[in-house]
Amino acid sequence: MADPAYKKIEIVGTSPNSFDEATANGVAKAAESVHGMSWFEVVELRGSIVDGKVHQYQVTLKIGFKVD
């Protein structure tokens, strides 16, 4: 197909250690069921706090992939 079409999904990756790891975890988890992923966009960074300390890093991602 000369002009492919793409779809985007939105997921949230998490990590107890960093935003970078949360991003990698989200992409890796999506790769288990989404094939042909081409790119990701970081939409939002946030986290949770427990007892005054960072408990979890959360990254909202949009992942693009080619539609067959």
PDB file of N, CA and C in Angstrom:
ATOM      1  N   MET A   1       0.854  -1.182   0.000  1.00  0.00           N
ATOM      2  CA  MET A   1       0.000   0.000   0.000  1.00  0.00           C
ATOM      3  C   MET A   1       0.896   1.240   0.000  1.00  0.00           C
ATOM      4  N   ALA A   2       0.665   2.130  -0.910  1.00  0.00           N
ATOM      5  CA  ALA A   2       1.502   3.310  -1.056  1.00  0.00           C
ATOM      6  C   ALA A   2       1.275   4.342   0.047  1.00  0.00           C
ATOM      7  N   ASP A   3       0.050   4.482   0.493  1.00  0.00           N
ATOM      8  CA  ASP A   3      -0.275   5.473   1.520  1.00  0.00           C
ATOM      9  C   ASP A   3      -0.884   4.773   2.728  1.00  0.00           C
ATOM     10  N   PRO A   4      -0.056   4.308   3.658  1.00  0.00           N
ATOM     11  CA  PRO A   4      -0.580   3.567   4.803  1.00  0.00           C
ATOM     12  C   PRO A   4      -1.388   4.459   5.745  1.00  0.00           C
ATOM     13  N   ALA A   5      -2.242   3.820   6.528  1.00  0.00           N
ATOM     14  CA  ALA A   5      -3.007   4.507   7.563  1.00  0.00           C
ATOM     15  C   ALA A   5      -2.470   4.063   8.923  1.00  0.00           C
ATOM     16  N   TYR A   6      -2.592   4.932   9.900  1.00  0.00           N
ATOM     17  CA  TYR A   6      -2.083   4.653  11.239  1.00  0.00           C
ATOM     18  C   TYR A   6      -3.180   4.853  12.274  1.00  0.00           C
ATOM     19  N   LYS A   7      -3.026   4.201  13.390  1.00  0.00           N
ATOM     20  CA  LYS A   7      -3.943   4.347  14.517  1.00  0.00           C
ATOM     21  C   LYS A   7      -3.117   4.672  15.745  1.00  0.00           C
ATOM     22  N   LYS A   8      -3.709   5.445  16.689  1.00  0.00           N
ATOM     23  CA  LYS A   8      -3.046   5.749  17.954  1.00  0.00           C
ATOM     24  C   LYS A   8      -3.891   5.217  19.100  1.00  0.00           C
ATOM     25  N   ILE A   9      -3.210   4.634  20.073  1.00  0.00           N
ATOM     26  CA  ILE A   9      -3.867   4.226  21.310  1.00  0.00           C
ATOM     27  C   ILE A   9      -3.222   4.995  22.460  1.00  0.00           C
ATOM     28  N   GLU A  10      -3.908   5.073  23.573  1.00  0.00           N
ATOM     29  CA  GLU A  10      -3.369   5.760  24.741  1.00  0.00           C
ATOM     30  C   GLU A  10      -3.248   4.775  25.889  1.00  0.00           C
ATOM     31  N   ILE A  11      -2.074   4.744  26.510  1.00  0.00           N
ATOM     32  CA  ILE A  11      -1.836   3.870  27.658  1.00  0.00           C
ATOM     33  C   ILE A  11      -1.103   4.667  28.735  1.00  0.00           C
ATOM     34  N   VAL A  12      -1.039   4.097  29.932  1.00  0.00           N
ATOM     35  CA  VAL A  12      -0.269   4.683  31.021  1.00  0.00           C
ATOM     36  C   VAL A  12       0.748   3.653  31.489  1.00  0.00           C
ATOM     37  N   GLY A  13       2.027   3.993  31.345  1.00  0.00           N
ATOM     38  CA  GLY A  13       3.102   3.144  31.854  1.00  0.00           C
ATOM     39  C   GLY A  13       3.462   3.590  33.258  1.00  0.00           C
ATOM     40  N   THR A  14       3.873   2.646  34.098  1.00  0.00           N
ATOM     41  CA  THR A  14       4.203   2.969  35.486  1.00  0.00           C
ATOM     42  C   THR A  14       5.548   2.381  35.884  1.00  0.00           C
ATOM     43  N   SER A  15       6.143   2.974  36.917  1.00  0.00           N
ATOM     44  CA  SER A  15       7.399   2.492  37.465  1.00  0.00           C
ATOM     45  C   SER A  15       7.582   3.057  38.873  1.00  0.00           C
ATOM     46  N   PRO A  16       8.210   2.301  39.756  1.00  0.00           N
ATOM     47  CA  PRO A  16       8.545   2.849  41.068  1.00  0.00           C
ATOM     48  C   PRO A  16       9.837   3.671  41.035  1.00  0.00           C
ATOM     49  N   ASN A  17      10.554   3.674  39.883  1.00  0.00           N
ATOM     50  CA  ASN A  17      11.895   4.261  39.834  1.00  0.00           C
ATOM     51  C   ASN A  17      12.041   5.564  39.068  1.00  0.00           C
ATOM     52  N   SER A  18      11.390   5.693  37.882  1.00  0.00           N
ATOM     53  CA  SER A  18      11.608   6.896  37.067  1.00  0.00           C
ATOM     54  C   SER A  18      10.567   7.018  35.962  1.00  0.00           C
ATOM     55  N   PHE A  19      10.488   8.237  35.401  1.00  0.00           N
ATOM     56  CA  PHE A  19       9.627   8.455  34.239  1.00  0.00           C
ATOM     57  C   PHE A  19      10.146   7.688  33.025  1.00  0.00           C
ATOM     58  N   ASP A  20      11.476   7.648  32.875  1.00  0.00           N
ATOM     59  CA  ASP A  20      12.055   6.899  31.754  1.00  0.00           C
ATOM     60  C   ASP A  20      11.663   5.432  31.812  1.00  0.00           C
ATOM     61  N   GLU A  21      11.766   4.856  32.986  1.00  0.00           N
ATOM     62  CA  GLU A  21      11.412   3.439  33.136  1.00  0.00           C
ATOM     63  C   GLU A  21       9.914   3.230  32.933  1.00  0.00           C
ATOM     64  N   ALA A  22       9.096   4.163  33.393  1.00  0.00           N
ATOM     65  CA  ALA A  22       7.650   4.062  33.189  1.00  0.00           C
ATOM     66  C   ALA A  22       7.318   4.092  31.700  1.00  0.00           C
ATOM     67  N   THR A  23       8.034   4.923  30.936  1.00  0.00           N
ATOM     68  CA  THR A  23       7.835   4.979  29.486  1.00  0.00           C
ATOM     69  C   THR A  23       8.208   3.648  28.850  1.00  0.00           C
ATOM     70  N   ALA A  24       9.387   3.134  29.201  1.00  0.00           N
ATOM     71  CA  ALA A  24       9.845   1.857  28.641  1.00  0.00           C
ATOM     72  C   ALA A  24       8.905   0.720  29.019  1.00  0.00           C
ATOM     73  N   ASN A  25       8.424   0.715  30.253  1.00  0.00           N
ATOM     74  CA  ASN A  25       7.488  -0.327  30.696  1.00  0.00           C
ATOM     75  C   ASN A  25       6.184  -0.267  29.915  1.00  0.00           C
ATOM     76  N   GLY A  26       5.686   0.932  29.675  1.00  0.00           N
ATOM     77  CA  GLY A  26       4.447   1.081  28.913  1.00  0.00           C
ATOM     78  C   GLY A  26       4.586   0.596  27.486  1.00  0.00           C
ATOM     79  N   VAL A  27       5.689   0.953  26.831  1.00  0.00           N
ATOM     80  CA  VAL A  27       5.915   0.516  25.451  1.00  0.00           C
ATOM     81  C   VAL A  27       6.076  -1.005  25.407  1.00  0.00           C
ATOM     82  N   ALA A  28       6.843  -1.559  26.348  1.00  0.00           N
ATOM     83  CA  ALA A  28       7.065  -3.011  26.373  1.00  0.00           C
ATOM     84  C   ALA A  28       5.758  -3.770  26.590  1.00  0.00           C
ATOM     85  N   LYS A  29       4.920  -3.276  27.485  1.00  0.00           N
ATOM     86  CA  LYS A  29       3.640  -3.939  27.743  1.00  0.00           C
ATOM     87  C   LYS A  29       2.734  -3.863  26.517  1.00  0.00           C
ATOM     88  N   ALA A  30       2.686  -2.706  25.869  1.00  0.00           N
ATOM     89  CA  ALA A  30       1.859  -2.563  24.663  1.00  0.00           C
ATOM     90  C   ALA A  30       2.346  -3.502  23.562  1.00  0.00           C
ATOM     91  N   ALA A  31       3.656  -3.699  23.470  1.00  0.00           N
ATOM     92  CA  ALA A  31       4.228  -4.557  22.427  1.00  0.00           C
ATOM     93  C   ALA A  31       3.790  -6.013  22.559  1.00  0.00           C
ATOM     94  N   GLU A  32       3.316  -6.405  23.731  1.00  0.00           N
ATOM     95  CA  GLU A  32       2.826  -7.771  23.933  1.00  0.00           C
ATOM     96  C   GLU A  32       1.570  -8.053  23.112  1.00  0.00           C
ATOM     97  N   SER A  33       0.788  -7.016  22.813  1.00  0.00           N
ATOM     98  CA  SER A  33      -0.464  -7.245  22.088  1.00  0.00           C
ATOM     99  C   SER A  33      -0.662  -6.341  20.871  1.00  0.00           C
ATOM    100  N   VAL A  34       0.146  -5.306  20.724  1.00  0.00           N
ATOM    101  CA  VAL A  34       0.034  -4.397  19.581  1.00  0.00           C
ATOM    102  C   VAL A  34       1.250  -4.607  18.689  1.00  0.00           C
ATOM    103  N   HIS A  35       1.014  -4.894  17.435  1.00  0.00           N
ATOM    104  CA  HIS A  35       2.106  -5.169  16.509  1.00  0.00           C
ATOM    105  C   HIS A  35       2.297  -4.016  15.534  1.00  0.00           C
ATOM    106  N   GLY A  36       3.512  -3.822  15.093  1.00  0.00           N
ATOM    107  CA  GLY A  36       3.799  -2.783  14.109  1.00  0.00           C
ATOM    108  C   GLY A  36       3.847  -1.384  14.688  1.00  0.00           C
ATOM    109  N   MET A  37       4.178  -1.270  15.982  1.00  0.00           N
ATOM    110  CA  MET A  37       4.252   0.061  16.582  1.00  0.00           C
ATOM    111  C   MET A  37       5.364   0.859  15.915  1.00  0.00           C
ATOM    112  N   SER A  38       5.094   2.152  15.670  1.00  0.00           N
ATOM    113  CA  SER A  38       6.041   3.009  14.968  1.00  0.00           C
ATOM    114  C   SER A  38       6.586   4.146  15.810  1.00  0.00           C
ATOM    115  N   TRP A  39       5.788   4.711  16.707  1.00  0.00           N
ATOM    116  CA  TRP A  39       6.230   5.848  17.505  1.00  0.00           C
ATOM    117  C   TRP A  39       5.413   5.956  18.779  1.00  0.00           C
ATOM    118  N   PHE A  40       5.904   6.810  19.688  1.00  0.00           N
ATOM    119  CA  PHE A  40       5.117   7.146  20.870  1.00  0.00           C
ATOM    120  C   PHE A  40       5.239   8.640  21.140  1.00  0.00           C
ATOM    121  N   GLU A  41       4.226   9.173  21.798  1.00  0.00           N
ATOM    122  CA  GLU A  41       4.210  10.566  22.238  1.00  0.00           C
ATOM    123  C   GLU A  41       3.974  10.566  23.738  1.00  0.00           C
ATOM    124  N   VAL A  42       4.745  11.334  24.473  1.00  0.00           N
ATOM    125  CA  VAL A  42       4.485  11.502  25.900  1.00  0.00           C
ATOM    126  C   VAL A  42       3.450  12.612  26.038  1.00  0.00           C
ATOM    127  N   VAL A  43       2.311  12.256  26.603  1.00  0.00           N
ATOM    128  CA  VAL A  43       1.204  13.201  26.730  1.00  0.00           C
ATOM    129  C   VAL A  43       1.192  13.857  28.108  1.00  0.00           C
ATOM    130  N   GLU A  44       1.541  13.081  29.133  1.00  0.00           N
ATOM    131  CA  GLU A  44       1.448  13.599  30.501  1.00  0.00           C
ATOM    132  C   GLU A  44       2.420  12.848  31.399  1.00  0.00           C
ATOM    133  N   LEU A  45       3.020  13.582  32.319  1.00  0.00           N
ATOM    134  CA  LEU A  45       3.843  12.991  33.377  1.00  0.00           C
ATOM    135  C   LEU A  45       3.152  13.280  34.697  1.00  0.00           C
ATOM    136  N   ARG A  46       3.040  12.267  35.537  1.00  0.00           N
ATOM    137  CA  ARG A  46       2.451  12.456  36.856  1.00  0.00           C
ATOM    138  C   ARG A  46       2.940  11.323  37.745  1.00  0.00           C
ATOM    139  N   GLY A  47       2.544  11.334  38.983  1.00  0.00           N
ATOM    140  CA  GLY A  47       2.941  10.262  39.889  1.00  0.00           C
ATOM    141  C   GLY A  47       2.079  10.255  41.122  1.00  0.00           C
ATOM    142  N   SER A  48       2.320   9.254  41.933  1.00  0.00           N
ATOM    143  CA  SER A  48       1.576   9.173  43.186  1.00  0.00           C
ATOM    144  C   SER A  48       2.543   9.380  44.356  1.00  0.00           C
ATOM    145  N   ILE A  49       1.998   9.880  45.445  1.00  0.00           N
ATOM    146  CA  ILE A  49       2.770  10.197  46.644  1.00  0.00           C
ATOM    147  C   ILE A  49       2.201   9.389  47.802  1.00  0.00           C
ATOM    148  N   VAL A  50       3.081   8.743  48.551  1.00  0.00           N
ATOM    149  CA  VAL A  50       2.686   8.008  49.750  1.00  0.00           C
ATOM    150  C   VAL A  50       3.620   8.429  50.883  1.00  0.00           C
ATOM    151  N   ASP A  51       3.040   8.852  51.981  1.00  0.00           N
ATOM    152  CA  ASP A  51       3.818   9.285  53.153  1.00  0.00           C
ATOM    153  C   ASP A  51       4.848  10.361  52.809  1.00  0.00           C
ATOM    154  N   GLY A  52       4.465  11.289  51.944  1.00  0.00           N
ATOM    155  CA  GLY A  52       5.334  12.407  51.612  1.00  0.00           C
ATOM    156  C   GLY A  52       6.471  12.072  50.665  1.00  0.00           C
ATOM    157  N   LYS A  53       6.448  10.882  50.058  1.00  0.00           N
ATOM    158  CA  LYS A  53       7.508  10.484  49.125  1.00  0.00           C
ATOM    159  C   LYS A  53       6.896   9.997  47.814  1.00  0.00           C
ATOM    160  N   VAL A  54       7.678  10.130  46.744  1.00  0.00           N
ATOM    161  CA  VAL A  54       7.219   9.623  45.453  1.00  0.00           C
ATOM    162  C   VAL A  54       7.073   8.114  45.561  1.00  0.00           C
ATOM    163  N   HIS A  55       5.889   7.639  45.234  1.00  0.00           N
ATOM    164  CA  HIS A  55       5.595   6.202  45.314  1.00  0.00           C
ATOM    165  C   HIS A  55       5.644   5.555  43.936  1.00  0.00           C
ATOM    166  N   GLN A  56       5.136   6.262  42.920  1.00  0.00           N
ATOM    167  CA  GLN A  56       5.068   5.691  41.579  1.00  0.00           C
ATOM    168  C   GLN A  56       5.111   6.808  40.537  1.00  0.00           C
ATOM    169  N   TYR A  57       5.881   6.568  39.481  1.00  0.00           N
ATOM    170  CA  TYR A  57       5.929   7.464  38.330  1.00  0.00           C
ATOM    171  C   TYR A  57       4.945   6.937  37.290  1.00  0.00           C
ATOM    172  N   GLN A  58       4.195   7.839  36.672  1.00  0.00           N
ATOM    173  CA  GLN A  58       3.192   7.456  35.686  1.00  0.00           C
ATOM    174  C   GLN A  58       3.366   8.325  34.438  1.00  0.00           C
ATOM    175  N   VAL A  59       3.381   7.681  33.276  1.00  0.00           N
ATOM    176  CA  VAL A  59       3.547   8.389  32.009  1.00  0.00           C
ATOM    177  C   VAL A  59       2.404   7.998  31.081  1.00  0.00           C
ATOM    178  N   THR A  60       1.624   8.985  30.658  1.00  0.00           N
ATOM    179  CA  THR A  60       0.581   8.722  29.662  1.00  0.00           C
ATOM    180  C   THR A  60       1.225   8.825  28.288  1.00  0.00           C
ATOM    181  N   LEU A  61       1.049   7.763  27.494  1.00  0.00           N
ATOM    182  CA  LEU A  61       1.656   7.667  26.164  1.00  0.00           C
ATOM    183  C   LEU A  61       0.586   7.469  25.109  1.00  0.00           C
ATOM    184  N   LYS A  62       0.793   8.068  23.956  1.00  0.00           N
ATOM    185  CA  LYS A  62       0.034   7.714  22.765  1.00  0.00           C
ATOM    186  C   LYS A  62       0.997   6.935  21.888  1.00  0.00           C
ATOM    187  N   ILE A  63       0.589   5.743  21.467  1.00  0.00           N
ATOM    188  CA  ILE A  63       1.435   4.885  20.647  1.00  0.00           C
ATOM    189  C   ILE A  63       0.792   4.738  19.286  1.00  0.00           C
ATOM    190  N   GLY A  64       1.575   4.995  18.241  1.00  0.00           N
ATOM    191  CA  GLY A  64       1.086   4.898  16.875  1.00  0.00           C
ATOM    192  C   GLY A  64       1.548   3.613  16.210  1.00  0.00           C
ATOM    193  N   PHE A  65       0.657   3.031  15.423  1.00  0.00           N
ATOM    194  CA  PHE A  65       1.014   1.821  14.686  1.00  0.00           C
ATOM    195  C   PHE A  65       0.254   1.794  13.369  1.00  0.00           C
ATOM    196  N   LYS A  66       0.847   1.089  12.400  1.00  0.00           N
ATOM    197  CA  LYS A  66       0.253   1.005  11.065  1.00  0.00           C
ATOM    198  C   LYS A  66      -0.909   0.027  11.065  1.00  0.00           C
ATOM    199  N   VAL A  67      -2.008   0.441  10.444  1.00  0.00           N
ATOM    200  CA  VAL A  67      -3.186  -0.412  10.307  1.00  0.00           C
ATOM    201  C   VAL A  67      -2.966  -1.326   9.097  1.00  0.00           C
ATOM    202  N   ASP A  68      -3.170  -2.629   9.324  1.00  0.00           N
ATOM    203  CA  ASP A  68      -2.990  -3.599   8.226  1.00  0.00           C
ATOM    204  C   ASP A  68      -4.044  -3.451   7.154  1.00  0.00           C
TER     205      ASP A  68
END
